[in-house]
Protein backbone atom coordinates (compact mmCIF):
# COMPACT_ATOMS: atom_id res chain seq x y z
CA MET A 1 -36.28 14.74 -52.18
CA GLN A 2 -34.89 16.06 -55.44
CA ASP A 3 -31.22 16.80 -55.74
CA SER A 4 -30.24 20.33 -56.52
CA LEU A 5 -27.03 21.64 -58.01
CA LEU A 6 -24.61 23.95 -56.25
CA ARG A 7 -22.30 26.31 -58.07
CA LEU A 8 -18.81 26.98 -56.72
CA PRO A 9 -19.63 30.02 -54.53
CA ALA A 10 -22.34 28.00 -52.73
CA VAL A 11 -19.99 25.03 -52.24
CA LEU A 12 -17.25 27.29 -50.86
CA SER A 13 -19.72 28.88 -48.48
CA ARG A 14 -20.98 25.51 -47.23
CA VAL A 15 -17.61 23.83 -46.68
CA GLY A 16 -15.49 26.81 -45.69
CA TYR A 17 -12.64 25.97 -48.06
CA SER A 18 -10.97 28.09 -50.68
CA ARG A 19 -11.39 27.37 -54.38
CA ALA A 20 -7.85 26.01 -54.55
CA THR A 21 -8.44 23.67 -51.61
CA VAL A 22 -11.68 22.31 -53.09
CA TYR A 23 -9.97 21.51 -56.38
CA ALA A 24 -6.94 20.02 -54.59
CA LYS A 25 -9.26 17.75 -52.61
CA ILE A 26 -11.07 16.73 -55.80
CA LYS A 27 -7.72 15.82 -57.36
CA ALA A 28 -6.84 13.80 -54.24
CA LYS A 29 -10.27 12.07 -54.43
CA GLU A 30 -11.23 13.59 -51.09
CA PHE A 31 -14.16 15.70 -52.28
CA PRO A 32 -17.13 15.10 -54.61
CA VAL A 33 -16.46 15.63 -58.31
CA PRO A 34 -18.57 18.32 -59.99
CA ILE A 35 -20.73 17.62 -63.01
CA LYS A 36 -20.30 19.52 -66.25
CA LEU A 37 -23.13 21.91 -67.08
CA GLY A 38 -21.65 23.39 -70.23
CA ASP A 39 -18.40 24.40 -71.86
CA ARG A 40 -17.29 26.55 -68.93
CA ALA A 41 -19.67 25.69 -66.10
CA VAL A 42 -19.72 22.99 -63.45
CA ALA A 43 -21.86 22.33 -60.39
CA TRP A 44 -21.92 19.90 -57.49
CA VAL A 45 -24.82 17.62 -56.57
CA SER A 46 -26.08 19.00 -53.26
CA ALA A 47 -26.69 15.54 -51.79
CA GLU A 48 -23.06 14.55 -52.44
CA VAL A 49 -21.78 17.72 -50.76
CA ASP A 50 -24.18 17.16 -47.85
CA ASP A 51 -22.93 13.56 -47.46
CA TRP A 52 -19.33 14.78 -47.51
CA ILE A 53 -20.11 17.33 -44.78
CA ARG A 54 -21.89 14.70 -42.65
CA ASN A 55 -18.92 12.35 -43.02
CA ARG A 56 -16.47 15.07 -41.93
CA ILE A 57 -18.62 15.77 -38.86
CA ALA A 58 -18.86 12.06 -38.01
CA GLU A 59 -15.08 11.59 -38.38
CA SER A 60 -14.39 14.53 -36.08
CA ARG A 61 -16.62 13.31 -33.25
CA PRO A 62 -15.31 10.54 -31.00
CA VAL A 63 -17.67 7.69 -30.30
CA PRO A 64 -18.97 8.17 -26.75
CA LYS A 65 -18.08 5.36 -24.37
CA ASP A 66 -21.12 3.99 -22.61
CA ARG A 67 -20.30 2.61 -19.19
CA ASP A 68 -23.02 -0.03 -19.50
CA ALA A 69 -21.91 -1.25 -22.93
CA PRO A 70 -19.46 -4.15 -23.28
CA SER A 71 -15.88 -3.14 -23.92
CA GLN A 72 -14.38 -3.43 -27.42
CA GLU A 73 -12.35 -6.48 -26.33
CA VAL A 74 -15.51 -8.43 -25.49
CA ILE A 75 -17.31 -7.81 -28.78
CA PRO A 76 -14.92 -9.83 -31.04
CA ALA A 77 -15.04 -12.71 -28.57
CA LEU A 78 -18.84 -12.75 -28.67
CA THR A 79 -18.84 -12.62 -32.46
CA GLU A 80 -16.32 -15.43 -32.66
CA ASP A 81 -18.36 -17.68 -30.35
CA THR A 82 -21.62 -17.16 -32.22
CA SER A 83 -20.09 -17.57 -35.68
CA ARG A 84 -19.04 -21.17 -35.00
CA GLY A 85 -22.63 -22.40 -34.70
CA ALA A 86 -23.31 -26.15 -34.50
CA ALA A 87 -20.11 -27.06 -36.38
CA GLY A 88 -17.92 -25.64 -33.63
CA GLU A 89 -19.66 -27.52 -30.82
């Protein structure tokens, strides 16, 4: 898939932020940096904006707890046991 470029109005529409918030998040390194198109024009790579949106969605959704899955306390113990290999026996 080819990347496309999004101008500011399209970015604002997709993320629901104001212009000031987008630029504040760019300054804080919390939002993709636009590319320069000319002396007074910038645009965002659509794939980068899409990734940012997907990451925000993923961060806002808690990981569902599966009753059949081992608890978080068991997983490090299993990893520790298998990482020793023959040397630990």
